[in-house]
Amino acid sequence: MSKLIIVPTPIGNLEDITLRSIRILRECDFILAEDTRVTKKLLNHLEIVKPLQSFHIHNEHKLLNSLIHKIGQSNLTVLVSDAGTPGISDPGFLLVRACIENQIEVECLPGPTAVIPALVVSGFPTDRFVFEGFLPQKKGRQTRIQEICKEERTVVLYESPHRILKFLNQLKEYIQPNRPIAIIREISKFHEEILRGNIDELLEIVNSRELKGEIVVVLSAL
């Protein structure tokens, strides 16, 4: 019976991969990768040699039907993204849905993702939270930011280092001045850093220096 297994990959530290994930990577017939060059580095580190095929946001619609046929002709196919869990702000949703529609078994292994570590280390309430992923860059962005500022649950979202200053300035227009915020960057990497404060305090920090790397923003529950 054909199966697609979603395998999370390290978001920084290469040690953050499970023994089970390594075994599945060794056993699969082929791997669908967001960027084959990035995945090849991980496979080389693990001393695994497998056929790789590109599957990313720019070709997922075009390749979907042919991939479903290929997966259906194989025993075990693996889907990975460059880092973290596929389908969480990464390609994967369309393929998973198509597999389900074509009676192909789908399994997702537990593993690395930036959402939960950032939420926990923020120190904000974790019993109820909402994940926003990446906000729209243009259309609908302001509306989403307004909605986030009204959200009573803890809010977790991703932001680009190139847009973090713009985001904080937009957030300042609507957020309560003393609502606690945490910016967590480079999770699990050597330069991991956590910045905490209200909107004015964080704007002062971000205005004073450039933030680099992957960024997660957490807004405390109201």
Protein backbone atom coordinates (compact mmCIF):
# COMPACT_ATOMS: atom_id res chain seq x y z
CA MET A 1 0.00 0.00 0.00
CA SER A 2 1.34 3.45 -0.92
CA LYS A 3 2.11 5.92 1.83
CA LEU A 4 3.28 9.51 2.14
CA ILE A 5 5.20 10.33 5.32
CA ILE A 6 5.85 13.94 6.28
CA VAL A 7 9.24 14.21 7.97
CA PRO A 8 10.14 17.38 9.92
CA THR A 9 13.75 18.47 9.51
CA PRO A 10 15.96 20.58 11.82
CA ILE A 11 15.27 24.32 11.90
CA GLY A 12 18.86 25.02 12.88
CA ASN A 13 20.75 22.47 14.92
CA LEU A 14 21.24 19.28 12.90
CA GLU A 15 20.97 17.24 16.10
CA ASP A 16 17.26 18.11 16.24
CA ILE A 17 16.11 15.16 14.17
CA THR A 18 14.57 12.03 15.62
CA LEU A 19 15.89 8.51 15.23
CA ARG A 20 12.57 7.56 13.66
CA SER A 21 12.88 10.34 11.06
CA ILE A 22 16.36 9.10 10.14
CA ARG A 23 15.04 5.56 9.75
CA ILE A 24 12.19 6.69 7.50
CA LEU A 25 14.58 8.71 5.33
CA ARG A 26 16.67 5.57 4.90
CA GLU A 27 13.70 3.34 4.09
CA CYS A 28 11.76 5.55 1.66
CA ASP A 29 11.73 5.15 -2.14
CA PHE A 30 12.24 8.85 -2.87
CA ILE A 31 12.07 12.26 -1.21
CA LEU A 32 10.10 15.34 -2.22
CA ALA A 33 12.12 18.37 -1.12
CA GLU A 34 11.42 22.09 -1.04
CA ASP A 35 15.01 22.75 -2.12
CA THR A 36 16.97 19.66 -3.14
CA ARG A 37 20.28 21.41 -2.41
CA VAL A 38 19.29 22.05 1.22
CA THR A 39 17.98 18.51 1.70
CA LYS A 40 21.10 17.05 0.09
CA LYS A 41 23.23 18.68 2.79
CA LEU A 42 21.12 17.04 5.50
CA LEU A 43 21.23 13.66 3.77
CA ASN A 44 25.00 13.92 3.38
CA HIS A 45 25.29 14.67 7.09
CA LEU A 46 23.21 11.57 7.83
CA GLU A 47 25.08 9.52 5.20
CA ILE A 48 21.85 8.76 3.32
CA VAL A 49 21.56 8.53 -0.47
CA LYS A 50 18.05 8.80 -1.94
CA PRO A 51 16.45 10.12 -5.14
CA LEU A 52 15.28 13.71 -4.68
CA GLN A 53 12.59 15.64 -6.50
CA SER A 54 11.83 19.32 -6.13
CA PHE A 55 8.44 20.25 -4.64
CA HIS A 56 7.96 23.86 -3.62
CA ILE A 57 5.48 26.74 -3.66
CA HIS A 58 6.29 27.65 -7.28
CA ASN A 59 5.69 24.21 -8.80
CA GLU A 60 3.28 22.40 -6.44
CA HIS A 61 0.16 23.09 -8.56
CA LYS A 62 1.93 22.09 -11.78
CA LEU A 63 3.36 18.82 -10.41
CA LEU A 64 0.48 17.71 -8.21
CA ASN A 65 -1.20 15.22 -10.57
CA SER A 66 2.03 13.61 -11.74
CA LEU A 67 3.29 13.32 -8.17
CA ILE A 68 0.10 11.64 -7.00
CA HIS A 69 0.59 9.05 -9.74
CA LYS A 70 4.25 8.57 -8.77
CA ILE A 71 3.44 8.26 -5.07
CA GLY A 72 0.70 5.77 -5.92
CA GLN A 73 3.24 3.61 -7.76
CA SER A 74 5.68 3.65 -4.82
CA ASN A 75 5.60 2.07 -1.40
CA LEU A 76 6.93 4.92 0.69
CA THR A 77 7.39 8.57 -0.25
CA VAL A 78 8.78 11.24 2.09
CA LEU A 79 7.99 14.96 2.01
CA VAL A 80 10.41 17.42 3.63
CA SER A 81 10.78 21.19 3.61
CA ASP A 82 13.98 23.18 4.03
CA ALA A 83 13.43 23.36 7.79
CA GLY A 84 10.69 22.39 10.20
CA THR A 85 7.42 20.61 9.47
CA PRO A 86 6.05 20.68 5.91
CA GLY A 87 2.60 22.24 5.68
CA ILE A 88 3.30 24.78 8.44
CA SER A 89 4.05 27.94 6.44
CA ASP A 90 5.74 25.62 3.95
CA PRO A 91 4.52 23.60 0.93
CA GLY A 92 2.61 20.46 1.82
CA PHE A 93 -1.09 21.14 2.27
CA LEU A 94 -2.05 20.58 -1.38
CA LEU A 95 -0.14 17.31 -1.59
CA VAL A 96 -1.58 15.97 1.67
CA ARG A 97 -5.13 16.83 0.56
CA ALA A 98 -4.60 15.22 -2.86
CA CYS A 99 -3.22 12.06 -1.27
CA ILE A 100 -6.24 11.79 1.02
CA GLU A 101 -8.58 12.30 -1.95
CA ASN A 102 -6.77 9.49 -3.80
CA GLN A 103 -6.88 7.06 -0.86
CA ILE A 104 -3.12 7.28 -0.28
CA GLU A 105 -2.21 6.91 3.39
CA VAL A 106 -0.63 9.98 4.99
CA GLU A 107 1.42 10.06 8.16
CA CYS A 108 3.19 12.99 9.83
CA LEU A 109 6.07 12.42 12.23
CA PRO A 110 6.46 14.69 15.25
CA GLY A 111 9.49 16.93 15.13
CA PRO A 112 10.99 20.39 14.77
CA THR A 113 8.85 23.49 14.32
CA ALA A 114 9.50 27.06 15.46
CA VAL A 115 5.96 27.65 16.72
CA ILE A 116 5.96 25.66 19.96
CA PRO A 117 9.48 26.49 21.22
CA ALA A 118 8.80 30.21 20.67
CA LEU A 119 5.43 30.01 22.42
CA VAL A 120 6.83 28.19 25.43
CA VAL A 121 9.98 30.31 25.85
CA SER A 122 7.97 33.55 25.55
CA GLY A 123 6.61 32.99 29.04
CA PHE A 124 3.11 33.91 27.89
CA PRO A 125 -0.02 31.80 28.52
CA THR A 126 0.05 28.60 26.47
CA ASP A 127 -3.34 27.11 27.30
CA ARG A 128 -4.97 28.94 24.38
CA PHE A 129 -3.10 30.40 21.43
CA VAL A 130 -3.52 31.18 17.74
CA PHE A 131 -0.89 30.71 15.02
CA GLU A 132 -0.98 33.29 12.21
CA GLY A 133 1.97 32.09 10.10
CA PHE A 134 3.28 34.81 7.77
CA LEU A 135 1.03 37.84 7.37
CA PRO A 136 0.11 39.01 3.84
CA GLN A 137 2.78 41.32 2.48
CA LYS A 138 0.29 43.69 0.85
CA LYS A 139 -3.45 43.11 0.45
CA GLY A 140 -5.17 42.39 3.74
CA ARG A 141 -2.09 42.98 5.89
CA GLN A 142 -3.45 45.95 7.83
CA THR A 143 -6.74 44.17 8.50
CA ARG A 144 -4.94 41.11 9.85
CA ILE A 145 -2.80 43.23 12.15
CA GLN A 146 -5.91 44.94 13.52
CA GLU A 147 -7.49 41.52 14.17
CA ILE A 148 -4.35 40.27 15.90
CA CYS A 149 -4.37 43.23 18.27
CA LYS A 150 -7.94 42.40 19.30
CA GLU A 151 -7.17 38.68 19.79
CA GLU A 152 -7.49 37.66 23.45
CA ARG A 153 -5.40 34.50 23.07
CA THR A 154 -1.63 34.42 22.80
CA VAL A 155 -0.66 35.07 19.17
CA VAL A 156 2.30 33.45 17.39
CA LEU A 157 3.41 34.56 13.94
CA TYR A 158 6.40 34.47 11.60
CA GLU A 159 8.06 37.56 10.20
CA SER A 160 10.96 38.24 7.87
CA PRO A 161 13.99 40.09 9.29
CA HIS A 162 13.59 42.50 6.38
CA ARG A 163 10.04 43.38 7.46
CA ILE A 164 10.25 43.19 11.26
CA LEU A 165 10.72 46.95 11.73
CA LYS A 166 7.84 47.71 9.37
CA PHE A 167 5.68 45.16 11.19
CA LEU A 168 6.38 46.66 14.61
CA ASN A 169 5.57 50.15 13.36
CA GLN A 170 2.29 48.88 11.90
CA LEU A 171 1.55 46.99 15.11
CA LYS A 172 2.08 50.16 17.16
CA GLU A 173 -0.94 51.77 15.49
CA TYR A 174 -3.35 49.25 17.01
CA ILE A 175 -1.78 47.33 19.89
CA GLN A 176 -2.32 48.17 23.54
CA PRO A 177 0.83 50.09 24.62
CA ASN A 178 1.70 47.75 27.51
CA ARG A 179 0.83 44.42 25.90
CA PRO A 180 3.92 42.19 26.37
CA ILE A 181 5.65 41.00 23.19
CA ALA A 182 8.50 38.57 22.60
CA ILE A 183 10.69 38.35 19.52
CA ILE A 184 12.54 35.04 19.24
CA ARG A 185 15.07 34.69 16.46
CA GLU A 186 17.34 31.89 15.24
CA ILE A 187 15.65 29.20 17.36
CA SER A 188 18.00 26.26 18.11
CA LYS A 189 20.92 28.01 16.39
CA PHE A 190 24.12 29.37 17.90
CA HIS A 191 22.88 32.99 17.84
CA GLU A 192 19.43 32.29 19.30
CA GLU A 193 18.09 35.42 20.98
CA ILE A 194 14.94 36.44 22.84
CA LEU A 195 13.85 40.08 23.04
CA ARG A 196 11.05 40.96 25.44
CA GLY A 197 9.15 44.16 26.11
CA ASN A 198 6.20 46.29 25.05
CA ILE A 199 5.90 47.76 21.57
CA ASP A 200 7.89 50.94 22.33
CA GLU A 201 10.71 49.02 24.02
CA LEU A 202 11.04 46.58 21.12
CA LEU A 203 10.91 49.37 18.55
CA GLU A 204 13.79 51.07 20.33
CA ILE A 205 15.84 47.86 20.13
CA VAL A 206 15.02 47.08 16.50
CA ASN A 207 15.68 50.68 15.45
CA SER A 208 19.13 50.50 17.03
CA ARG A 209 20.36 47.39 15.22
CA GLU A 210 19.53 45.00 12.41
CA LEU A 211 17.89 41.70 13.30
CA LYS A 212 18.97 38.75 11.19
CA GLY A 213 17.78 35.19 10.77
CA GLU A 214 14.43 33.46 11.22
CA ILE A 215 12.05 35.43 13.44
CA VAL A 216 9.01 34.42 15.48
CA VAL A 217 6.87 37.09 17.17
CA VAL A 218 4.67 36.23 20.16
CA LEU A 219 2.02 38.57 21.57
CA SER A 220 0.83 37.84 25.09
CA ALA A 221 -2.78 36.94 25.75
CA LEU A 222 -4.96 39.84 26.86
